[in-house]
Amino acid sequence: MAVVAAYILVSGVFIYLVPPESVTSDHTFVAQAGAVLFGRAGANLLAGAVVVCVVGGMAAMIMLCPRVYYAMARDGVFLKAVAQLHPRFATPVRAVGIMGLMTSPLIVLGAFEQIIAYFLFVAVLFIGLAVCTLFVFRRRGTPVPVKTPLYPLTPLIFLLQVVALLAAILMSTPWQALLGCAVVLLGLPVYTFLQREHVVPAENVCPVSENATEH
């Protein structure tokens, strides 16, 4: 709640300092707010703060995403070769390499806004799907390690906001949103292929004899 309150407060201050009709560019919105408060030095200061936040977010994703690939490989839902750690640094070196190969073309060929648009729709979609699991777990009686005050009102309100955001993204950047979905769907045949390797044919399964079951 504290994070939400701080986010709303900061957003309200920015909108008060720079009304929507005064925004010259969405790329320099924070810098404009800094200029109103502290002049040119304030614009440079807040612009630098945005850069630091973006770099920090990128560093977190670089640390997190390869470890997701590594965990998937260990669970048998991704290439087995990815479940290998560096002999010296104990890092998922192959997973890091895969992430680098996937992101490099986007960095070379696309602008920052396009890169954001590619994965934003899919990211918001999967966040909504994760919240939907609350209803499934509650119906099954499965313990949920997440507190949901005013259930089911709060998750329903959140899902309505997710739907509205998905619609806005789809209307503003339809091709990027669809391309992001297409990239995710490309993983389905790979997943299906990997799952077939784990299926044991029926003829190779040894039947359990009646004597064995008695013991």
C-alpha atoms as a PDB file:
ATOM      1  CA  MET A   1       0.000   0.000   0.000  1.00  0.00           C
ATOM      2  CA  ALA A   2       2.877   2.355   0.760  1.00  0.00           C
ATOM      3  CA  VAL A   3       4.346   1.806  -2.704  1.00  0.00           C
ATOM      4  CA  VAL A   4       0.958   2.430  -4.348  1.00  0.00           C
ATOM      5  CA  ALA A   5       0.441   5.588  -2.297  1.00  0.00           C
ATOM      6  CA  ALA A   6       3.912   6.886  -3.168  1.00  0.00           C
ATOM      7  CA  TYR A   7       3.363   6.158  -6.870  1.00  0.00           C
ATOM      8  CA  ILE A   8       0.010   7.973  -6.913  1.00  0.00           C
ATOM      9  CA  LEU A   9       1.466  10.917  -4.973  1.00  0.00           C
ATOM     10  CA  VAL A  10       4.441  11.331  -7.317  1.00  0.00           C
ATOM     11  CA  SER A  11       2.237  10.989 -10.401  1.00  0.00           C
ATOM     12  CA  GLY A  12      -0.152  13.603  -9.016  1.00  0.00           C
ATOM     13  CA  VAL A  13       2.724  16.023  -8.365  1.00  0.00           C
ATOM     14  CA  PHE A  14       4.049  15.572 -11.903  1.00  0.00           C
ATOM     15  CA  ILE A  15       0.620  16.171 -13.429  1.00  0.00           C
ATOM     16  CA  TYR A  16       0.162  19.254 -11.242  1.00  0.00           C
ATOM     17  CA  LEU A  17       3.546  20.655 -12.280  1.00  0.00           C
ATOM     18  CA  VAL A  18       3.146  19.827 -15.975  1.00  0.00           C
ATOM     19  CA  PRO A  19      -0.521  19.709 -17.057  1.00  0.00           C
ATOM     20  CA  PRO A  20      -1.251  17.423 -20.033  1.00  0.00           C
ATOM     21  CA  GLU A  21      -1.752  20.388 -22.375  1.00  0.00           C
ATOM     22  CA  SER A  22       1.754  21.626 -21.523  1.00  0.00           C
ATOM     23  CA  VAL A  23       3.547  18.354 -22.241  1.00  0.00           C
ATOM     24  CA  THR A  24       5.793  18.831 -25.257  1.00  0.00           C
ATOM     25  CA  SER A  25       7.010  15.229 -25.419  1.00  0.00           C
ATOM     26  CA  ASP A  26       6.262  12.068 -23.487  1.00  0.00           C
ATOM     27  CA  HIS A  27      10.003  11.312 -23.511  1.00  0.00           C
ATOM     28  CA  THR A  28      10.864  14.466 -21.538  1.00  0.00           C
ATOM     29  CA  PHE A  29       7.858  14.641 -19.220  1.00  0.00           C
ATOM     30  CA  VAL A  30       9.894  14.078 -16.048  1.00  0.00           C
ATOM     31  CA  ALA A  31      12.543  16.547 -17.197  1.00  0.00           C
ATOM     32  CA  GLN A  32       9.835  19.168 -17.728  1.00  0.00           C
ATOM     33  CA  ALA A  33       8.615  18.635 -14.158  1.00  0.00           C
ATOM     34  CA  GLY A  34      12.181  19.037 -12.890  1.00  0.00           C
ATOM     35  CA  ALA A  35      12.582  22.255 -14.878  1.00  0.00           C
ATOM     36  CA  VAL A  36       9.426  23.693 -13.289  1.00  0.00           C
ATOM     37  CA  LEU A  37      10.733  22.892  -9.810  1.00  0.00           C
ATOM     38  CA  PHE A  38      14.463  23.667 -10.036  1.00  0.00           C
ATOM     39  CA  GLY A  39      15.143  25.125 -13.460  1.00  0.00           C
ATOM     40  CA  ARG A  40      17.515  23.568 -16.010  1.00  0.00           C
ATOM     41  CA  ALA A  41      19.583  21.866 -13.312  1.00  0.00           C
ATOM     42  CA  GLY A  42      16.431  20.170 -12.013  1.00  0.00           C
ATOM     43  CA  ALA A  43      15.567  18.948 -15.512  1.00  0.00           C
ATOM     44  CA  ASN A  44      18.989  17.354 -15.876  1.00  0.00           C
ATOM     45  CA  LEU A  45      18.799  15.909 -12.360  1.00  0.00           C
ATOM     46  CA  LEU A  46      15.426  14.199 -12.861  1.00  0.00           C
ATOM     47  CA  ALA A  47      16.387  13.042 -16.360  1.00  0.00           C
ATOM     48  CA  GLY A  48      19.470  11.411 -14.841  1.00  0.00           C
ATOM     49  CA  ALA A  49      17.292   9.792 -12.175  1.00  0.00           C
ATOM     50  CA  VAL A  50      15.108   8.276 -14.900  1.00  0.00           C
ATOM     51  CA  VAL A  51      18.202   6.883 -16.622  1.00  0.00           C
ATOM     52  CA  VAL A  52      19.375   5.333 -13.348  1.00  0.00           C
ATOM     53  CA  CYS A  53      15.940   3.744 -12.801  1.00  0.00           C
ATOM     54  CA  VAL A  54      15.882   2.319 -16.331  1.00  0.00           C
ATOM     55  CA  VAL A  55      19.410   0.931 -16.013  1.00  0.00           C
ATOM     56  CA  GLY A  56      18.511  -0.597 -12.651  1.00  0.00           C
ATOM     57  CA  GLY A  57      15.425  -2.219 -14.138  1.00  0.00           C
ATOM     58  CA  MET A  58      17.470  -3.592 -17.024  1.00  0.00           C
ATOM     59  CA  ALA A  59      20.046  -4.993 -14.607  1.00  0.00           C
ATOM     60  CA  ALA A  60      17.301  -6.733 -12.640  1.00  0.00           C
ATOM     61  CA  MET A  61      15.873  -8.287 -15.804  1.00  0.00           C
ATOM     62  CA  ILE A  62      19.335  -9.443 -16.918  1.00  0.00           C
ATOM     63  CA  MET A  63      19.741 -11.159 -13.546  1.00  0.00           C
ATOM     64  CA  LEU A  64      16.216 -12.621 -13.435  1.00  0.00           C
ATOM     65  CA  CYS A  65      15.288 -13.815 -16.924  1.00  0.00           C
ATOM     66  CA  PRO A  66      18.231 -16.183 -17.562  1.00  0.00           C
ATOM     67  CA  ARG A  67      17.517 -17.877 -14.250  1.00  0.00           C
ATOM     68  CA  VAL A  68      13.944 -18.462 -15.373  1.00  0.00           C
ATOM     69  CA  TYR A  69      15.285 -20.221 -18.495  1.00  0.00           C
ATOM     70  CA  TYR A  70      17.650 -22.200 -16.282  1.00  0.00           C
ATOM     71  CA  ALA A  71      14.833 -23.288 -13.954  1.00  0.00           C
ATOM     72  CA  MET A  72      12.655 -24.254 -16.922  1.00  0.00           C
ATOM     73  CA  ALA A  73      15.469 -26.388 -18.331  1.00  0.00           C
ATOM     74  CA  ARG A  74      15.917 -28.140 -14.978  1.00  0.00           C
ATOM     75  CA  ASP A  75      12.169 -28.841 -14.866  1.00  0.00           C
ATOM     76  CA  GLY A  76      12.278 -30.364 -18.344  1.00  0.00           C
ATOM     77  CA  VAL A  77      10.241 -27.710 -20.159  1.00  0.00           C
ATOM     78  CA  PHE A  78      13.195 -26.123 -21.976  1.00  0.00           C
ATOM     79  CA  LEU A  79      16.388 -27.307 -23.632  1.00  0.00           C
ATOM     80  CA  LYS A  80      18.423 -29.505 -21.286  1.00  0.00           C
ATOM     81  CA  ALA A  81      21.659 -27.843 -22.349  1.00  0.00           C
ATOM     82  CA  VAL A  82      20.482 -24.580 -20.797  1.00  0.00           C
ATOM     83  CA  ALA A  83      20.480 -26.199 -17.329  1.00  0.00           C
ATOM     84  CA  GLN A  84      24.234 -25.880 -17.096  1.00  0.00           C
ATOM     85  CA  LEU A  85      26.162 -23.554 -14.799  1.00  0.00           C
ATOM     86  CA  HIS A  86      29.498 -21.932 -15.438  1.00  0.00           C
ATOM     87  CA  PRO A  87      32.216 -24.085 -13.812  1.00  0.00           C
ATOM     88  CA  ARG A  88      33.868 -21.081 -12.133  1.00  0.00           C
ATOM     89  CA  PHE A  89      31.176 -18.460 -11.542  1.00  0.00           C
ATOM     90  CA  ALA A  90      28.193 -20.838 -11.076  1.00  0.00           C
ATOM     91  CA  THR A  91      26.023 -18.662 -13.337  1.00  0.00           C
ATOM     92  CA  PRO A  92      23.588 -19.927 -16.023  1.00  0.00           C
ATOM     93  CA  VAL A  93      25.964 -18.929 -18.800  1.00  0.00           C
ATOM     94  CA  ARG A  94      24.001 -20.557 -21.642  1.00  0.00           C
ATOM     95  CA  ALA A  95      20.750 -18.987 -20.491  1.00  0.00           C
ATOM     96  CA  VAL A  96      22.471 -15.592 -20.416  1.00  0.00           C
ATOM     97  CA  GLY A  97      23.742 -16.217 -23.946  1.00  0.00           C
ATOM     98  CA  ILE A  98      20.250 -17.076 -25.187  1.00  0.00           C
ATOM     99  CA  MET A  99      18.853 -13.890 -23.703  1.00  0.00           C
ATOM    100  CA  GLY A 100      21.627 -11.878 -25.332  1.00  0.00           C
ATOM    101  CA  LEU A 101      20.941 -13.441 -28.728  1.00  0.00           C
ATOM    102  CA  MET A 102      17.227 -12.673 -28.462  1.00  0.00           C
ATOM    103  CA  THR A 103      17.576  -9.088 -27.295  1.00  0.00           C
ATOM    104  CA  SER A 104      20.440  -7.958 -29.546  1.00  0.00           C
ATOM    105  CA  PRO A 105      18.350  -7.770 -32.770  1.00  0.00           C
ATOM    106  CA  LEU A 106      15.704  -5.700 -30.959  1.00  0.00           C
ATOM    107  CA  ILE A 107      18.318  -3.263 -29.703  1.00  0.00           C
ATOM    108  CA  VAL A 108      19.884  -2.902 -33.154  1.00  0.00           C
ATOM    109  CA  LEU A 109      16.692  -2.734 -35.205  1.00  0.00           C
ATOM    110  CA  GLY A 110      14.180  -1.048 -32.892  1.00  0.00           C
ATOM    111  CA  ALA A 111      13.856   2.180 -30.949  1.00  0.00           C
ATOM    112  CA  PHE A 112      13.292   2.165 -27.188  1.00  0.00           C
ATOM    113  CA  GLU A 113       9.542   2.749 -27.552  1.00  0.00           C
ATOM    114  CA  GLN A 114       9.221  -0.144 -30.002  1.00  0.00           C
ATOM    115  CA  ILE A 115      11.114  -2.500 -27.716  1.00  0.00           C
ATOM    116  CA  ILE A 116       8.802  -1.587 -24.830  1.00  0.00           C
ATOM    117  CA  ALA A 117       5.741  -2.074 -27.056  1.00  0.00           C
ATOM    118  CA  TYR A 118       6.878  -5.557 -28.102  1.00  0.00           C
ATOM    119  CA  PHE A 119       6.768  -7.062 -24.636  1.00  0.00           C
ATOM    120  CA  LEU A 120       4.448  -4.721 -22.732  1.00  0.00           C
ATOM    121  CA  PHE A 121       1.222  -6.238 -24.069  1.00  0.00           C
ATOM    122  CA  VAL A 122       2.341  -9.794 -23.319  1.00  0.00           C
ATOM    123  CA  ALA A 123       3.704  -8.836 -19.894  1.00  0.00           C
ATOM    124  CA  VAL A 124       0.432  -7.194 -18.857  1.00  0.00           C
ATOM    125  CA  LEU A 125      -1.529 -10.149 -20.271  1.00  0.00           C
ATOM    126  CA  PHE A 126       0.385 -12.681 -18.193  1.00  0.00           C
ATOM    127  CA  ILE A 127       0.077 -10.524 -15.086  1.00  0.00           C
ATOM    128  CA  GLY A 128      -3.683 -10.663 -15.573  1.00  0.00           C
ATOM    129  CA  LEU A 129      -3.560 -14.429 -16.065  1.00  0.00           C
ATOM    130  CA  ALA A 130      -1.553 -14.771 -12.845  1.00  0.00           C
ATOM    131  CA  VAL A 131      -4.265 -12.898 -10.947  1.00  0.00           C
ATOM    132  CA  CYS A 132      -6.908 -15.161 -12.533  1.00  0.00           C
ATOM    133  CA  THR A 133      -5.262 -18.123 -10.801  1.00  0.00           C
ATOM    134  CA  LEU A 134      -6.540 -16.728  -7.495  1.00  0.00           C
ATOM    135  CA  PHE A 135     -10.094 -17.642  -8.533  1.00  0.00           C
ATOM    136  CA  VAL A 136      -8.982 -21.123  -9.632  1.00  0.00           C
ATOM    137  CA  PHE A 137      -7.131 -21.822  -6.381  1.00  0.00           C
ATOM    138  CA  ARG A 138      -9.988 -20.525  -4.259  1.00  0.00           C
ATOM    139  CA  ARG A 139     -12.484 -22.723  -6.091  1.00  0.00           C
ATOM    140  CA  ARG A 140     -10.277 -25.790  -5.653  1.00  0.00           C
ATOM    141  CA  GLY A 141      -9.616 -24.997  -2.015  1.00  0.00           C
ATOM    142  CA  THR A 142      -5.883 -24.732  -2.600  1.00  0.00           C
ATOM    143  CA  PRO A 143      -4.057 -22.585  -0.001  1.00  0.00           C
ATOM    144  CA  VAL A 144      -2.955 -19.296  -1.539  1.00  0.00           C
ATOM    145  CA  PRO A 145       0.109 -17.622   0.071  1.00  0.00           C
ATOM    146  CA  VAL A 146      -1.186 -14.184  -0.968  1.00  0.00           C
ATOM    147  CA  LYS A 147      -3.540 -12.008   1.050  1.00  0.00           C
ATOM    148  CA  THR A 148      -6.459 -10.662  -0.993  1.00  0.00           C
ATOM    149  CA  PRO A 149      -8.496  -8.219   1.111  1.00  0.00           C
ATOM    150  CA  LEU A 150     -12.097  -7.697  -0.032  1.00  0.00           C
ATOM    151  CA  TYR A 151     -11.920 -10.785  -2.271  1.00  0.00           C
ATOM    152  CA  PRO A 152     -13.258 -11.093  -4.975  1.00  0.00           C
ATOM    153  CA  LEU A 153     -13.720  -7.340  -5.413  1.00  0.00           C
ATOM    154  CA  THR A 154     -10.039  -6.347  -5.452  1.00  0.00           C
ATOM    155  CA  PRO A 155      -8.848  -8.893  -8.046  1.00  0.00           C
ATOM    156  CA  LEU A 156     -11.890  -8.133 -10.217  1.00  0.00           C
ATOM    157  CA  ILE A 157     -11.090  -4.412 -10.176  1.00  0.00           C
ATOM    158  CA  PHE A 158      -7.481  -5.196 -11.020  1.00  0.00           C
ATOM    159  CA  LEU A 159      -8.511  -7.436 -13.929  1.00  0.00           C
ATOM    160  CA  LEU A 160     -10.806  -4.724 -15.285  1.00  0.00           C
ATOM    161  CA  GLN A 161      -7.859  -2.340 -15.264  1.00  0.00           C
ATOM    162  CA  VAL A 162      -5.718  -4.958 -17.003  1.00  0.00           C
ATOM    163  CA  VAL A 163      -8.334  -5.359 -19.738  1.00  0.00           C
ATOM    164  CA  ALA A 164      -8.515  -1.583 -20.193  1.00  0.00           C
ATOM    165  CA  LEU A 165      -4.729  -1.320 -20.407  1.00  0.00           C
ATOM    166  CA  LEU A 166      -4.532  -4.191 -22.911  1.00  0.00           C
ATOM    167  CA  ALA A 167      -7.155  -2.492 -25.070  1.00  0.00           C
ATOM    168  CA  ALA A 168      -5.248   0.808 -24.935  1.00  0.00           C
ATOM    169  CA  ILE A 169      -1.963  -0.867 -25.887  1.00  0.00           C
ATOM    170  CA  LEU A 170      -3.627  -2.806 -28.697  1.00  0.00           C
ATOM    171  CA  MET A 171      -5.164   0.350 -30.128  1.00  0.00           C
ATOM    172  CA  SER A 172      -2.000   2.439 -29.869  1.00  0.00           C
ATOM    173  CA  THR A 173       0.574  -0.142 -31.021  1.00  0.00           C
ATOM    174  CA  PRO A 174      -1.343  -3.024 -32.635  1.00  0.00           C
ATOM    175  CA  TRP A 175       1.481  -4.471 -34.717  1.00  0.00           C
ATOM    176  CA  GLN A 176       3.975  -4.509 -31.863  1.00  0.00           C
ATOM    177  CA  ALA A 177       1.420  -6.116 -29.536  1.00  0.00           C
ATOM    178  CA  LEU A 178       0.550  -8.812 -32.073  1.00  0.00           C
ATOM    179  CA  LEU A 179       4.218  -9.450 -32.802  1.00  0.00           C
ATOM    180  CA  GLY A 180       4.881  -9.930 -29.095  1.00  0.00           C
ATOM    181  CA  CYS A 181       2.035 -12.462 -28.914  1.00  0.00           C
ATOM    182  CA  ALA A 182       3.385 -14.240 -32.000  1.00  0.00           C
ATOM    183  CA  VAL A 183       6.806 -14.622 -30.376  1.00  0.00           C
ATOM    184  CA  VAL A 184       5.186 -16.198 -27.305  1.00  0.00           C
ATOM    185  CA  LEU A 185       3.109 -18.556 -29.463  1.00  0.00           C
ATOM    186  CA  LEU A 186       6.269 -19.695 -31.245  1.00  0.00           C
ATOM    187  CA  GLY A 187       7.261 -21.310 -27.975  1.00  0.00           C
ATOM    188  CA  LEU A 188       4.294 -23.716 -28.051  1.00  0.00           C
ATOM    189  CA  PRO A 189       5.724 -26.112 -30.675  1.00  0.00           C
ATOM    190  CA  VAL A 190       9.067 -26.086 -28.844  1.00  0.00           C
ATOM    191  CA  TYR A 191       7.309 -26.915 -25.575  1.00  0.00           C
ATOM    192  CA  THR A 192       5.282 -29.670 -27.245  1.00  0.00           C
ATOM    193  CA  PHE A 193       8.441 -31.178 -28.737  1.00  0.00           C
ATOM    194  CA  LEU A 194      10.254 -31.145 -25.413  1.00  0.00           C
ATOM    195  CA  GLN A 195       7.291 -32.730 -23.644  1.00  0.00           C
ATOM    196  CA  ARG A 196       7.207 -35.604 -26.139  1.00  0.00           C
ATOM    197  CA  GLU A 197      10.752 -36.468 -25.169  1.00  0.00           C
ATOM    198  CA  HIS A 198       9.608 -36.978 -21.580  1.00  0.00           C
ATOM    199  CA  VAL A 199       6.659 -39.205 -22.455  1.00  0.00           C
ATOM    200  CA  VAL A 200       7.406 -42.894 -21.949  1.00  0.00           C
ATOM    201  CA  PRO A 201       5.799 -45.082 -24.668  1.00  0.00           C
ATOM    202  CA  ALA A 202       3.211 -47.525 -23.353  1.00  0.00           C
ATOM    203  CA  GLU A 203       5.005 -50.539 -24.801  1.00  0.00           C
ATOM    204  CA  ASN A 204       8.142 -49.626 -22.817  1.00  0.00           C
ATOM    205  CA  VAL A 205       6.322 -49.551 -19.493  1.00  0.00           C
ATOM    206  CA  CYS A 206       6.742 -52.781 -17.544  1.00  0.00           C
ATOM    207  CA  PRO A 207       3.433 -54.018 -16.158  1.00  0.00           C
ATOM    208  CA  VAL A 208       3.336 -54.626 -12.430  1.00  0.00           C
ATOM    209  CA  SER A 209       2.642 -58.250 -11.613  1.00  0.00           C
ATOM    210  CA  GLU A 210       0.050 -59.273  -9.063  1.00  0.00           C
ATOM    211  CA  ASN A 211       2.736 -60.841  -6.859  1.00  0.00           C
ATOM    212  CA  ALA A 212       4.664 -57.582  -6.765  1.00  0.00           C
ATOM    213  CA  THR A 213       1.597 -55.662  -5.695  1.00  0.00           C
ATOM    214  CA  GLU A 214       0.936 -58.111  -2.864  1.00  0.00           C
ATOM    215  CA  HIS A 215       4.399 -57.441  -1.442  1.00  0.00           C
END
